[in-house]
Amino acid sequence: MMPFHHRMPNALTLVGMLMCANASVAQPLQAQNQFELMRVGPAHTIKTLAEASKLAKAGAVIEVESGNYIADVALWQQDNVTVRAVGGRVRLLAQGAAVEGKGIWVVRAKGMRVEGFDFEGAAVPSRNGAGIRLDTGTLHVKNCGFFHNEMGLLTNNDPNTELEVEDSEFAYNMRPDGHNHNLYAGRIARLSVTGSYFHHAHIGHLLKSRAAVNHIAGNRLVDGPGGRASYELEFPNGGMAHVTGNTISQSPTTENRLLISFGAEGYTWPRNEIHLEGNTLINPLPFGGQFLRVAPGADVIRAVGNQLQGPGALELAGPGVYNNNLRCVEGMGCRP
């Protein structure tokens, strides 16, 4: 007879060994997929975003009951946190409160997501009070609104920061001396804005970005009646700008006759290209408007398949590729 320690394991023993092995693999996988669910609102133990931001752990999902939250400001520093409104919209009304003298929310975290919030009324002594101030990290903003702040959404100049904005609205953001912007991205790695609506800036721009890479697609940048925006869209330091499928229109009361500006403050990125494709560009001014201005020195200017309404010409931007851009007149259709 074979010694005990040399015997082959029987079927039951093999099953047990496999179960133990699988359990040892599954346990860490399950731990990775677990997340902390927090509920916030008047009917819950955690009643404010300020408290939730201090208690949340990395990877938490925070569901916030709809309603108005007054002076409820928060600093977010935990990675991979999702904050979403449930049962309707959540309105964060600053009413004089701010985090670190910067705004309603300050974000220094990677992988943060926010959905269903309105940020309103941020004002601080520096006059840069933002609905959200993104200092560092990566942030995805979806279905949010930024209204009546000094700055709608503002980033720092961290070269590793990335911001994605989806299906959101920016309007009536104004600081006392003007020069506000509905959305202002500093010298960050990447900005993506899709499906969003920008209107009624005051002296400043609807959207201004110094990011290295920009994807601006499927938005309405339409200042609207009574709007006093300067540029509708500006990339002051160049970079890579892909502007696709947007409607971009200035107001008759604009502070600047130019819709889109590229490189006006000098090129600071290794590669500087603007690709303007499939947009509708509207200049309601009877004379003197300009659709696009590009500072000398850009690597690529490409404007293809755009529809132009009102006076002005894309080719004034400088040497580049200008194909299939149509001139459209109300009631008469579009022609090359």
C-alpha atoms as a PDB file:
ATOM      1  CA  MET A   1       0.000   0.000   0.000  1.00  0.00           C
ATOM      2  CA  MET A   2       1.190   3.442  -0.906  1.00  0.00           C
ATOM      3  CA  PRO A   3       2.171   5.669   2.059  1.00  0.00           C
ATOM      4  CA  PHE A   4      -0.543   8.166   3.017  1.00  0.00           C
ATOM      5  CA  HIS A   5       1.339  11.221   1.899  1.00  0.00           C
ATOM      6  CA  HIS A   6       1.762   9.745  -1.627  1.00  0.00           C
ATOM      7  CA  ARG A   7      -1.874   8.804  -2.153  1.00  0.00           C
ATOM      8  CA  MET A   8      -3.742  10.442  -5.060  1.00  0.00           C
ATOM      9  CA  PRO A   9      -6.545  12.760  -3.834  1.00  0.00           C
ATOM     10  CA  ASN A  10     -10.051  11.444  -4.309  1.00  0.00           C
ATOM     11  CA  ALA A  11     -12.825  13.332  -6.136  1.00  0.00           C
ATOM     12  CA  LEU A  12     -14.184  14.990  -2.995  1.00  0.00           C
ATOM     13  CA  THR A  13     -10.728  16.210  -2.071  1.00  0.00           C
ATOM     14  CA  LEU A  14     -10.191  17.678  -5.561  1.00  0.00           C
ATOM     15  CA  VAL A  15     -13.521  19.521  -5.409  1.00  0.00           C
ATOM     16  CA  GLY A  16     -12.585  20.978  -2.034  1.00  0.00           C
ATOM     17  CA  MET A  17      -9.195  22.083  -3.289  1.00  0.00           C
ATOM     18  CA  LEU A  18     -10.739  23.789  -6.341  1.00  0.00           C
ATOM     19  CA  MET A  19     -13.359  25.537  -4.207  1.00  0.00           C
ATOM     20  CA  CYS A  20     -10.688  26.900  -1.895  1.00  0.00           C
ATOM     21  CA  ALA A  21      -8.583  28.041  -4.834  1.00  0.00           C
ATOM     22  CA  ASN A  22     -11.540  29.765  -6.503  1.00  0.00           C
ATOM     23  CA  ALA A  23     -12.541  31.398  -3.231  1.00  0.00           C
ATOM     24  CA  SER A  24      -9.054  32.814  -2.785  1.00  0.00           C
ATOM     25  CA  VAL A  25      -9.225  34.360  -6.266  1.00  0.00           C
ATOM     26  CA  ALA A  26     -12.828  35.558  -5.996  1.00  0.00           C
ATOM     27  CA  GLN A  27     -12.406  37.284  -2.649  1.00  0.00           C
ATOM     28  CA  PRO A  28     -10.068  40.047  -3.833  1.00  0.00           C
ATOM     29  CA  LEU A  29     -12.076  40.454  -7.057  1.00  0.00           C
ATOM     30  CA  GLN A  30     -15.261  40.941  -5.038  1.00  0.00           C
ATOM     31  CA  ALA A  31     -13.478  43.384  -2.768  1.00  0.00           C
ATOM     32  CA  GLN A  32     -12.396  45.395  -5.811  1.00  0.00           C
ATOM     33  CA  ASN A  33     -15.994  45.610  -7.047  1.00  0.00           C
ATOM     34  CA  GLN A  34     -17.477  46.673  -3.736  1.00  0.00           C
ATOM     35  CA  PHE A  35     -18.312  50.317  -3.154  1.00  0.00           C
ATOM     36  CA  GLU A  36     -19.713  52.385  -0.368  1.00  0.00           C
ATOM     37  CA  LEU A  37     -23.220  53.752  -0.950  1.00  0.00           C
ATOM     38  CA  MET A  38     -24.067  56.917   0.957  1.00  0.00           C
ATOM     39  CA  ARG A  39     -27.413  58.712   0.953  1.00  0.00           C
ATOM     40  CA  VAL A  40     -27.640  62.413   1.673  1.00  0.00           C
ATOM     41  CA  GLY A  41     -30.629  64.628   2.400  1.00  0.00           C
ATOM     42  CA  PRO A  42     -33.026  65.868   5.072  1.00  0.00           C
ATOM     43  CA  ALA A  43     -34.502  62.380   5.560  1.00  0.00           C
ATOM     44  CA  HIS A  44     -31.126  60.673   5.959  1.00  0.00           C
ATOM     45  CA  THR A  45     -28.506  60.504   8.683  1.00  0.00           C
ATOM     46  CA  ILE A  46     -26.070  62.461   6.510  1.00  0.00           C
ATOM     47  CA  LYS A  47     -27.871  65.680   5.694  1.00  0.00           C
ATOM     48  CA  THR A  48     -25.282  67.810   3.867  1.00  0.00           C
ATOM     49  CA  LEU A  49     -22.736  67.488   1.083  1.00  0.00           C
ATOM     50  CA  ALA A  50     -20.176  69.083   3.374  1.00  0.00           C
ATOM     51  CA  GLU A  51     -20.521  66.179   5.798  1.00  0.00           C
ATOM     52  CA  ALA A  52     -20.586  63.578   3.029  1.00  0.00           C
ATOM     53  CA  SER A  53     -17.373  64.916   1.508  1.00  0.00           C
ATOM     54  CA  LYS A  54     -15.583  64.385   4.823  1.00  0.00           C
ATOM     55  CA  LEU A  55     -16.969  60.882   5.453  1.00  0.00           C
ATOM     56  CA  ALA A  56     -16.725  59.429   1.953  1.00  0.00           C
ATOM     57  CA  LYS A  57     -14.037  56.898   1.130  1.00  0.00           C
ATOM     58  CA  ALA A  58     -12.406  56.357  -2.256  1.00  0.00           C
ATOM     59  CA  GLY A  59     -14.826  54.697  -4.649  1.00  0.00           C
ATOM     60  CA  ALA A  60     -17.955  55.832  -2.808  1.00  0.00           C
ATOM     61  CA  VAL A  61     -21.274  56.415  -4.581  1.00  0.00           C
ATOM     62  CA  ILE A  62     -23.208  59.279  -3.010  1.00  0.00           C
ATOM     63  CA  GLU A  63     -26.905  59.687  -3.810  1.00  0.00           C
ATOM     64  CA  VAL A  64     -28.317  63.097  -2.912  1.00  0.00           C
ATOM     65  CA  GLU A  65     -32.015  63.715  -2.418  1.00  0.00           C
ATOM     66  CA  SER A  66     -33.373  66.446  -4.703  1.00  0.00           C
ATOM     67  CA  GLY A  67     -33.965  69.918  -3.308  1.00  0.00           C
ATOM     68  CA  ASN A  68     -32.173  73.123  -2.346  1.00  0.00           C
ATOM     69  CA  TYR A  69     -29.009  72.961  -0.260  1.00  0.00           C
ATOM     70  CA  ILE A  70     -28.069  76.343   1.171  1.00  0.00           C
ATOM     71  CA  ALA A  71     -24.419  77.291   1.773  1.00  0.00           C
ATOM     72  CA  ASP A  72     -23.559  73.593   1.549  1.00  0.00           C
ATOM     73  CA  VAL A  73     -20.007  73.760   0.186  1.00  0.00           C
ATOM     74  CA  ALA A  74     -17.561  70.853  -0.066  1.00  0.00           C
ATOM     75  CA  LEU A  75     -13.961  69.843  -0.705  1.00  0.00           C
ATOM     76  CA  TRP A  76     -13.536  66.536  -2.565  1.00  0.00           C
ATOM     77  CA  GLN A  77     -10.180  64.739  -2.268  1.00  0.00           C
ATOM     78  CA  GLN A  78     -11.127  61.042  -2.485  1.00  0.00           C
ATOM     79  CA  ASP A  79     -10.550  59.277  -5.810  1.00  0.00           C
ATOM     80  CA  ASN A  80     -13.282  57.628  -7.898  1.00  0.00           C
ATOM     81  CA  VAL A  81     -16.221  59.169  -6.052  1.00  0.00           C
ATOM     82  CA  THR A  82     -19.582  59.461  -7.841  1.00  0.00           C
ATOM     83  CA  VAL A  83     -22.090  62.060  -6.627  1.00  0.00           C
ATOM     84  CA  ARG A  84     -25.533  61.993  -8.243  1.00  0.00           C
ATOM     85  CA  ALA A  85     -28.915  63.571  -7.661  1.00  0.00           C
ATOM     86  CA  VAL A  86     -31.915  61.285  -7.116  1.00  0.00           C
ATOM     87  CA  GLY A  87     -35.601  62.149  -7.403  1.00  0.00           C
ATOM     88  CA  GLY A  88     -34.956  65.388  -9.293  1.00  0.00           C
ATOM     89  CA  ARG A  89     -32.332  68.087  -9.384  1.00  0.00           C
ATOM     90  CA  VAL A  90     -30.115  69.213  -6.539  1.00  0.00           C
ATOM     91  CA  ARG A  91     -29.559  72.971  -6.315  1.00  0.00           C
ATOM     92  CA  LEU A  92     -26.487  74.148  -4.418  1.00  0.00           C
ATOM     93  CA  LEU A  93     -27.078  77.804  -3.506  1.00  0.00           C
ATOM     94  CA  ALA A  94     -23.869  79.412  -2.271  1.00  0.00           C
ATOM     95  CA  GLN A  95     -25.368  82.444  -0.523  1.00  0.00           C
ATOM     96  CA  GLY A  96     -21.938  83.722   0.543  1.00  0.00           C
ATOM     97  CA  ALA A  97     -20.335  80.375   1.438  1.00  0.00           C
ATOM     98  CA  ALA A  98     -17.238  79.044  -0.315  1.00  0.00           C
ATOM     99  CA  VAL A  99     -14.505  76.424   0.119  1.00  0.00           C
ATOM    100  CA  GLU A 100     -10.987  77.850   0.514  1.00  0.00           C
ATOM    101  CA  GLY A 101     -12.210  81.134  -0.947  1.00  0.00           C
ATOM    102  CA  LYS A 102     -12.652  79.401  -4.328  1.00  0.00           C
ATOM    103  CA  GLY A 103     -16.208  78.231  -4.865  1.00  0.00           C
ATOM    104  CA  ILE A 104     -19.078  75.908  -3.994  1.00  0.00           C
ATOM    105  CA  TRP A 105     -17.038  72.781  -4.655  1.00  0.00           C
ATOM    106  CA  VAL A 106     -13.284  72.334  -4.839  1.00  0.00           C
ATOM    107  CA  VAL A 107     -12.073  69.087  -6.424  1.00  0.00           C
ATOM    108  CA  ARG A 108      -8.632  67.552  -5.961  1.00  0.00           C
ATOM    109  CA  ALA A 109      -9.296  63.932  -6.905  1.00  0.00           C
ATOM    110  CA  LYS A 110      -9.044  61.478  -9.758  1.00  0.00           C
ATOM    111  CA  GLY A 111     -12.030  59.794 -11.348  1.00  0.00           C
ATOM    112  CA  MET A 112     -14.729  61.975  -9.804  1.00  0.00           C
ATOM    113  CA  ARG A 113     -18.192  62.070 -11.418  1.00  0.00           C
ATOM    114  CA  VAL A 114     -21.096  64.405 -10.683  1.00  0.00           C
ATOM    115  CA  GLU A 115     -24.571  64.260 -12.226  1.00  0.00           C
ATOM    116  CA  GLY A 116     -27.806  66.232 -11.807  1.00  0.00           C
ATOM    117  CA  PHE A 117     -26.563  69.275  -9.832  1.00  0.00           C
ATOM    118  CA  ASP A 118     -27.035  73.019 -10.284  1.00  0.00           C
ATOM    119  CA  PHE A 119     -24.312  75.282  -8.880  1.00  0.00           C
ATOM    120  CA  GLU A 120     -25.558  78.808  -8.237  1.00  0.00           C
ATOM    121  CA  GLY A 121     -24.353  82.093  -6.840  1.00  0.00           C
ATOM    122  CA  ALA A 122     -20.663  81.512  -6.035  1.00  0.00           C
ATOM    123  CA  ALA A 123     -18.881  84.771  -5.120  1.00  0.00           C
ATOM    124  CA  VAL A 124     -15.557  85.231  -3.301  1.00  0.00           C
ATOM    125  CA  PRO A 125     -13.191  88.146  -2.510  1.00  0.00           C
ATOM    126  CA  SER A 126     -10.901  87.249  -5.450  1.00  0.00           C
ATOM    127  CA  ARG A 127     -13.925  87.564  -7.773  1.00  0.00           C
ATOM    128  CA  ASN A 128     -13.259  84.098  -9.197  1.00  0.00           C
ATOM    129  CA  GLY A 129     -15.987  82.293  -7.280  1.00  0.00           C
ATOM    130  CA  ALA A 130     -16.764  79.112  -9.233  1.00  0.00           C
ATOM    131  CA  GLY A 131     -19.555  76.602  -9.137  1.00  0.00           C
ATOM    132  CA  ILE A 132     -16.775  74.017  -9.299  1.00  0.00           C
ATOM    133  CA  ARG A 133     -13.072  74.741  -8.974  1.00  0.00           C
ATOM    134  CA  LEU A 134     -11.073  71.800 -10.337  1.00  0.00           C
ATOM    135  CA  ASP A 135      -7.607  72.154  -8.826  1.00  0.00           C
ATOM    136  CA  THR A 136      -6.179  68.756  -9.821  1.00  0.00           C
ATOM    137  CA  GLY A 137      -7.382  65.358 -10.974  1.00  0.00           C
ATOM    138  CA  THR A 138      -9.990  64.125 -13.424  1.00  0.00           C
ATOM    139  CA  LEU A 139     -13.619  65.180 -13.336  1.00  0.00           C
ATOM    140  CA  HIS A 140     -16.676  64.154 -15.374  1.00  0.00           C
ATOM    141  CA  VAL A 141     -19.619  66.566 -15.119  1.00  0.00           C
ATOM    142  CA  LYS A 142     -22.934  65.350 -16.571  1.00  0.00           C
ATOM    143  CA  ASN A 143     -26.357  67.023 -16.711  1.00  0.00           C
ATOM    144  CA  CYS A 144     -25.313  69.893 -14.442  1.00  0.00           C
ATOM    145  CA  GLY A 145     -26.023  73.624 -14.493  1.00  0.00           C
ATOM    146  CA  PHE A 146     -23.812  76.596 -13.614  1.00  0.00           C
ATOM    147  CA  PHE A 147     -25.752  79.824 -13.112  1.00  0.00           C
ATOM    148  CA  HIS A 148     -25.087  83.278 -11.652  1.00  0.00           C
ATOM    149  CA  ASN A 149     -21.606  82.451 -10.374  1.00  0.00           C
ATOM    150  CA  GLU A 150     -18.618  84.718 -10.869  1.00  0.00           C
ATOM    151  CA  MET A 151     -17.109  81.865 -12.909  1.00  0.00           C
ATOM    152  CA  GLY A 152     -19.149  78.875 -13.959  1.00  0.00           C
ATOM    153  CA  LEU A 153     -16.555  76.085 -13.898  1.00  0.00           C
ATOM    154  CA  LEU A 154     -12.885  76.948 -13.454  1.00  0.00           C
ATOM    155  CA  THR A 155      -9.751  74.794 -13.498  1.00  0.00           C
ATOM    156  CA  ASN A 156      -6.229  75.357 -12.254  1.00  0.00           C
ATOM    157  CA  ASN A 157      -3.155  74.962 -14.490  1.00  0.00           C
ATOM    158  CA  ASP A 158      -2.167  71.430 -13.490  1.00  0.00           C
ATOM    159  CA  PRO A 159      -0.729  69.686 -16.611  1.00  0.00           C
ATOM    160  CA  ASN A 160      -2.182  66.289 -15.652  1.00  0.00           C
ATOM    161  CA  THR A 161      -5.754  67.440 -15.054  1.00  0.00           C
ATOM    162  CA  GLU A 162      -8.573  66.318 -17.358  1.00  0.00           C
ATOM    163  CA  LEU A 163     -12.120  67.685 -17.502  1.00  0.00           C
ATOM    164  CA  GLU A 164     -15.119  66.205 -19.304  1.00  0.00           C
ATOM    165  CA  VAL A 165     -18.432  68.078 -19.506  1.00  0.00           C
ATOM    166  CA  GLU A 166     -21.530  66.405 -20.932  1.00  0.00           C
ATOM    167  CA  ASP A 167     -25.141  67.565 -21.419  1.00  0.00           C
ATOM    168  CA  SER A 168     -24.745  70.592 -19.137  1.00  0.00           C
ATOM    169  CA  GLU A 169     -25.747  74.264 -19.178  1.00  0.00           C
ATOM    170  CA  PHE A 170     -23.769  77.422 -18.419  1.00  0.00           C
ATOM    171  CA  ALA A 171     -25.393  80.853 -18.224  1.00  0.00           C
ATOM    172  CA  TYR A 172     -25.454  84.255 -16.502  1.00  0.00           C
ATOM    173  CA  ASN A 173     -22.121  83.773 -14.784  1.00  0.00           C
ATOM    174  CA  MET A 174     -20.746  87.248 -14.063  1.00  0.00           C
ATOM    175  CA  ARG A 175     -18.213  88.830 -11.748  1.00  0.00           C
ATOM    176  CA  PRO A 176     -18.348  92.498 -10.714  1.00  0.00           C
ATOM    177  CA  ASP A 177     -15.626  93.692 -13.098  1.00  0.00           C
ATOM    178  CA  GLY A 178     -16.806  91.569 -16.018  1.00  0.00           C
ATOM    179  CA  HIS A 179     -14.259  89.378 -17.824  1.00  0.00           C
ATOM    180  CA  ASN A 180     -15.959  86.289 -16.490  1.00  0.00           C
ATOM    181  CA  HIS A 181     -16.221  83.057 -18.434  1.00  0.00           C
ATOM    182  CA  ASN A 182     -18.958  80.448 -18.345  1.00  0.00           C
ATOM    183  CA  LEU A 183     -16.296  77.740 -18.526  1.00  0.00           C
ATOM    184  CA  TYR A 184     -12.566  78.429 -18.212  1.00  0.00           C
ATOM    185  CA  ALA A 185     -10.038  75.595 -18.530  1.00  0.00           C
ATOM    186  CA  GLY A 186      -6.457  76.497 -17.628  1.00  0.00           C
ATOM    187  CA  ARG A 187      -3.289  74.809 -18.911  1.00  0.00           C
ATOM    188  CA  ILE A 188      -4.557  71.272 -18.344  1.00  0.00           C
ATOM    189  CA  ALA A 189      -4.000  68.078 -20.318  1.00  0.00           C
ATOM    190  CA  ARG A 190      -7.440  67.650 -21.857  1.00  0.00           C
ATOM    191  CA  LEU A 191     -10.878  69.225 -22.121  1.00  0.00           C
ATOM    192  CA  SER A 192     -13.921  67.512 -23.620  1.00  0.00           C
ATOM    193  CA  VAL A 193     -17.280  69.293 -23.904  1.00  0.00           C
ATOM    194  CA  THR A 194     -20.241  67.577 -25.588  1.00  0.00           C
ATOM    195  CA  GLY A 195     -23.984  68.142 -25.838  1.00  0.00           C
ATOM    196  CA  SER A 196     -23.924  71.277 -23.685  1.00  0.00           C
ATOM    197  CA  TYR A 197     -25.509  74.735 -23.902  1.00  0.00           C
ATOM    198  CA  PHE A 198     -23.616  77.977 -23.264  1.00  0.00           C
ATOM    199  CA  HIS A 199     -25.346  81.341 -23.300  1.00  0.00           C
ATOM    200  CA  HIS A 200     -25.511  84.811 -21.755  1.00  0.00           C
ATOM    201  CA  ALA A 201     -21.978  85.467 -20.644  1.00  0.00           C
ATOM    202  CA  HIS A 202     -21.071  89.004 -19.623  1.00  0.00           C
ATOM    203  CA  ILE A 203     -18.018  90.568 -21.306  1.00  0.00           C
ATOM    204  CA  GLY A 204     -16.060  87.309 -20.893  1.00  0.00           C
ATOM    205  CA  HIS A 205     -16.319  84.239 -23.129  1.00  0.00           C
ATOM    206  CA  LEU A 206     -18.843  81.444 -23.367  1.00  0.00           C
ATOM    207  CA  LEU A 207     -15.987  78.924 -23.341  1.00  0.00           C
ATOM    208  CA  LYS A 208     -12.245  79.570 -22.939  1.00  0.00           C
ATOM    209  CA  SER A 209      -9.629  76.833 -22.854  1.00  0.00           C
ATOM    210  CA  ARG A 210      -5.844  76.743 -22.547  1.00  0.00           C
ATOM    211  CA  ALA A 211      -5.819  72.924 -22.556  1.00  0.00           C
ATOM    212  CA  ALA A 212      -3.305  70.950 -24.611  1.00  0.00           C
ATOM    213  CA  VAL A 213      -6.085  68.905 -26.259  1.00  0.00           C
ATOM    214  CA  ASN A 214      -9.674  70.070 -26.755  1.00  0.00           C
ATOM    215  CA  HIS A 215     -12.707  68.209 -28.081  1.00  0.00           C
ATOM    216  CA  ILE A 216     -15.719  70.511 -28.451  1.00  0.00           C
ATOM    217  CA  ALA A 217     -18.551  68.602 -30.136  1.00  0.00           C
ATOM    218  CA  GLY A 218     -22.324  68.833 -30.532  1.00  0.00           C
ATOM    219  CA  ASN A 219     -22.817  71.900 -28.345  1.00  0.00           C
ATOM    220  CA  ARG A 220     -24.796  75.114 -28.612  1.00  0.00           C
ATOM    221  CA  LEU A 221     -22.626  78.143 -27.921  1.00  0.00           C
ATOM    222  CA  VAL A 222     -25.360  80.663 -28.601  1.00  0.00           C
ATOM    223  CA  ASP A 223     -25.163  83.874 -26.607  1.00  0.00           C
ATOM    224  CA  GLY A 224     -28.819  84.736 -27.179  1.00  0.00           C
ATOM    225  CA  PRO A 225     -30.797  87.991 -27.078  1.00  0.00           C
ATOM    226  CA  GLY A 226     -29.205  90.464 -24.694  1.00  0.00           C
ATOM    227  CA  GLY A 227     -26.046  88.381 -24.309  1.00  0.00           C
ATOM    228  CA  ARG A 228     -22.806  90.344 -23.978  1.00  0.00           C
ATOM    229  CA  ALA A 229     -20.179  87.653 -24.400  1.00  0.00           C
ATOM    230  CA  SER A 230     -16.859  88.512 -26.005  1.00  0.00           C
ATOM    231  CA  TYR A 231     -15.668  85.448 -27.935  1.00  0.00           C
ATOM    232  CA  GLU A 232     -18.023  82.515 -28.075  1.00  0.00           C
ATOM    233  CA  LEU A 233     -15.055  80.122 -28.133  1.00  0.00           C
ATOM    234  CA  GLU A 234     -11.385  80.839 -27.454  1.00  0.00           C
ATOM    235  CA  PHE A 235      -8.161  78.828 -27.363  1.00  0.00           C
ATOM    236  CA  PRO A 236      -5.710  81.601 -26.374  1.00  0.00           C
ATOM    237  CA  ASN A 237      -2.603  79.356 -26.313  1.00  0.00           C
ATOM    238  CA  GLY A 238      -3.462  77.084 -29.212  1.00  0.00           C
ATOM    239  CA  GLY A 239      -2.995  73.364 -28.609  1.00  0.00           C
ATOM    240  CA  MET A 240      -5.041  70.750 -30.436  1.00  0.00           C
ATOM    241  CA  ALA A 241      -8.610  71.984 -30.958  1.00  0.00           C
ATOM    242  CA  HIS A 242     -11.220  69.729 -32.555  1.00  0.00           C
ATOM    243  CA  VAL A 243     -14.457  71.717 -32.942  1.00  0.00           C
ATOM    244  CA  THR A 244     -17.139  69.551 -34.537  1.00  0.00           C
ATOM    245  CA  GLY A 245     -20.888  69.727 -35.074  1.00  0.00           C
ATOM    246  CA  ASN A 246     -21.581  72.763 -32.893  1.00  0.00           C
ATOM    247  CA  THR A 247     -23.910  75.717 -33.357  1.00  0.00           C
ATOM    248  CA  ILE A 248     -21.911  78.854 -32.529  1.00  0.00           C
ATOM    249  CA  SER A 249     -23.643  82.230 -32.619  1.00  0.00           C
ATOM    250  CA  GLN A 250     -22.865  85.635 -31.217  1.00  0.00           C
ATOM    251  CA  SER A 251     -25.434  88.125 -30.002  1.00  0.00           C
ATOM    252  CA  PRO A 252     -26.186  91.476 -31.662  1.00  0.00           C
ATOM    253  CA  THR A 253     -25.108  93.036 -28.343  1.00  0.00           C
ATOM    254  CA  THR A 254     -21.751  91.212 -28.269  1.00  0.00           C
ATOM    255  CA  GLU A 255     -18.663  92.859 -26.749  1.00  0.00           C
ATOM    256  CA  ASN A 256     -16.518  91.464 -29.594  1.00  0.00           C
ATOM    257  CA  ARG A 257     -17.291  90.873 -33.251  1.00  0.00           C
ATOM    258  CA  LEU A 258     -15.267  87.634 -33.388  1.00  0.00           C
ATOM    259  CA  LEU A 259     -16.818  84.190 -32.814  1.00  0.00           C
ATOM    260  CA  ILE A 260     -13.779  81.894 -32.500  1.00  0.00           C
ATOM    261  CA  SER A 261     -10.208  82.847 -31.572  1.00  0.00           C
ATOM    262  CA  PHE A 262      -7.090  80.640 -31.663  1.00  0.00           C
ATOM    263  CA  GLY A 263      -3.617  81.535 -30.387  1.00  0.00           C
ATOM    264  CA  ALA A 264      -4.285  85.188 -29.535  1.00  0.00           C
ATOM    265  CA  GLU A 265      -2.036  85.077 -26.436  1.00  0.00           C
ATOM    266  CA  GLY A 266       0.820  83.088 -27.998  1.00  0.00           C
ATOM    267  CA  TYR A 267       1.368  79.396 -28.674  1.00  0.00           C
ATOM    268  CA  THR A 268       2.656  77.436 -25.678  1.00  0.00           C
ATOM    269  CA  TRP A 269       2.048  73.822 -26.754  1.00  0.00           C
ATOM    270  CA  PRO A 270       4.334  71.684 -28.986  1.00  0.00           C
ATOM    271  CA  ARG A 271       1.560  71.230 -31.559  1.00  0.00           C
ATOM    272  CA  ASN A 272      -1.056  73.840 -32.472  1.00  0.00           C
ATOM    273  CA  GLU A 273      -3.913  72.835 -34.759  1.00  0.00           C
ATOM    274  CA  ILE A 274      -7.517  73.915 -35.155  1.00  0.00           C
ATOM    275  CA  HIS A 275      -9.965  71.603 -36.918  1.00  0.00           C
ATOM    276  CA  LEU A 276     -13.346  73.232 -37.530  1.00  0.00           C
ATOM    277  CA  GLU A 277     -15.734  70.732 -39.087  1.00  0.00           C
ATOM    278  CA  GLY A 278     -19.498  70.490 -39.587  1.00  0.00           C
ATOM    279  CA  ASN A 279     -20.407  73.522 -37.473  1.00  0.00           C
ATOM    280  CA  THR A 280     -23.089  76.148 -37.982  1.00  0.00           C
ATOM    281  CA  LEU A 281     -21.529  79.591 -37.456  1.00  0.00           C
ATOM    282  CA  ILE A 282     -23.889  82.529 -37.097  1.00  0.00           C
ATOM    283  CA  ASN A 283     -22.977  86.217 -37.212  1.00  0.00           C
ATOM    284  CA  PRO A 284     -26.093  88.407 -36.788  1.00  0.00           C
ATOM    285  CA  LEU A 285     -24.133  91.658 -37.108  1.00  0.00           C
ATOM    286  CA  PRO A 286     -24.907  93.491 -40.351  1.00  0.00           C
ATOM    287  CA  PHE A 287     -21.220  94.183 -40.998  1.00  0.00           C
ATOM    288  CA  GLY A 288     -17.788  93.735 -39.453  1.00  0.00           C
ATOM    289  CA  GLY A 289     -18.173  90.309 -37.880  1.00  0.00           C
ATOM    290  CA  GLN A 290     -15.596  87.526 -38.231  1.00  0.00           C
ATOM    291  CA  PHE A 291     -16.119  83.785 -37.825  1.00  0.00           C
ATOM    292  CA  LEU A 292     -12.549  82.701 -37.062  1.00  0.00           C
ATOM    293  CA  ARG A 293      -9.252  84.388 -36.229  1.00  0.00           C
ATOM    294  CA  VAL A 294      -6.008  82.417 -35.969  1.00  0.00           C
ATOM    295  CA  ALA A 295      -2.749  84.013 -34.856  1.00  0.00           C
ATOM    296  CA  PRO A 296       0.226  83.484 -37.206  1.00  0.00           C
ATOM    297  CA  GLY A 297       2.269  80.369 -36.462  1.00  0.00           C
ATOM    298  CA  ALA A 298      -0.401  77.663 -36.195  1.00  0.00           C
ATOM    299  CA  ASP A 299       0.667  74.264 -37.541  1.00  0.00           C
ATOM    300  CA  VAL A 300      -2.711  73.449 -39.120  1.00  0.00           C
ATOM    301  CA  ILE A 301      -5.873  75.399 -39.935  1.00  0.00           C
ATOM    302  CA  ARG A 302      -8.633  73.166 -41.257  1.00  0.00           C
ATOM    303  CA  ALA A 303     -12.213  74.336 -41.808  1.00  0.00           C
ATOM    304  CA  VAL A 304     -14.391  71.828 -43.646  1.00  0.00           C
ATOM    305  CA  GLY A 305     -18.138  71.408 -44.146  1.00  0.00           C
ATOM    306  CA  ASN A 306     -19.290  74.360 -42.052  1.00  0.00           C
ATOM    307  CA  GLN A 307     -22.414  76.420 -42.638  1.00  0.00           C
ATOM    308  CA  LEU A 308     -21.948  80.200 -42.423  1.00  0.00           C
ATOM    309  CA  GLN A 309     -24.830  82.553 -41.694  1.00  0.00           C
ATOM    310  CA  GLY A 310     -24.254  86.295 -41.872  1.00  0.00           C
ATOM    311  CA  PRO A 311     -21.315  88.305 -43.199  1.00  0.00           C
ATOM    312  CA  GLY A 312     -17.721  87.154 -42.789  1.00  0.00           C
ATOM    313  CA  ALA A 313     -15.319  84.611 -44.261  1.00  0.00           C
ATOM    314  CA  LEU A 314     -13.376  81.704 -42.788  1.00  0.00           C
ATOM    315  CA  GLU A 315     -10.406  82.210 -45.110  1.00  0.00           C
ATOM    316  CA  LEU A 316      -9.471  85.411 -43.279  1.00  0.00           C
ATOM    317  CA  ALA A 317      -8.012  83.139 -40.575  1.00  0.00           C
ATOM    318  CA  GLY A 318      -4.917  82.494 -42.713  1.00  0.00           C
ATOM    319  CA  PRO A 319      -3.478  79.786 -44.990  1.00  0.00           C
ATOM    320  CA  GLY A 320      -5.179  76.450 -44.492  1.00  0.00           C
ATOM    321  CA  VAL A 321      -7.669  73.903 -45.817  1.00  0.00           C
ATOM    322  CA  TYR A 322     -11.107  75.376 -46.500  1.00  0.00           C
ATOM    323  CA  ASN A 323     -13.411  72.890 -48.230  1.00  0.00           C
ATOM    324  CA  ASN A 324     -17.188  72.598 -48.665  1.00  0.00           C
ATOM    325  CA  ASN A 325     -18.110  75.511 -46.439  1.00  0.00           C
ATOM    326  CA  LEU A 326     -21.573  76.742 -47.378  1.00  0.00           C
ATOM    327  CA  ARG A 327     -23.017  80.224 -47.224  1.00  0.00           C
ATOM    328  CA  CYS A 328     -26.592  80.070 -45.861  1.00  0.00           C
ATOM    329  CA  VAL A 329     -29.272  82.722 -46.171  1.00  0.00           C
ATOM    330  CA  GLU A 330     -32.537  82.433 -44.288  1.00  0.00           C
ATOM    331  CA  GLY A 331     -35.329  81.404 -46.638  1.00  0.00           C
ATOM    332  CA  MET A 332     -32.912  80.803 -49.513  1.00  0.00           C
ATOM    333  CA  GLY A 333     -30.980  77.750 -48.378  1.00  0.00           C
ATOM    334  CA  CYS A 334     -27.209  77.168 -48.521  1.00  0.00           C
ATOM    335  CA  ARG A 335     -24.750  77.323 -51.385  1.00  0.00           C
ATOM    336  CA  PRO A 336     -20.958  77.092 -51.783  1.00  0.00           C
END
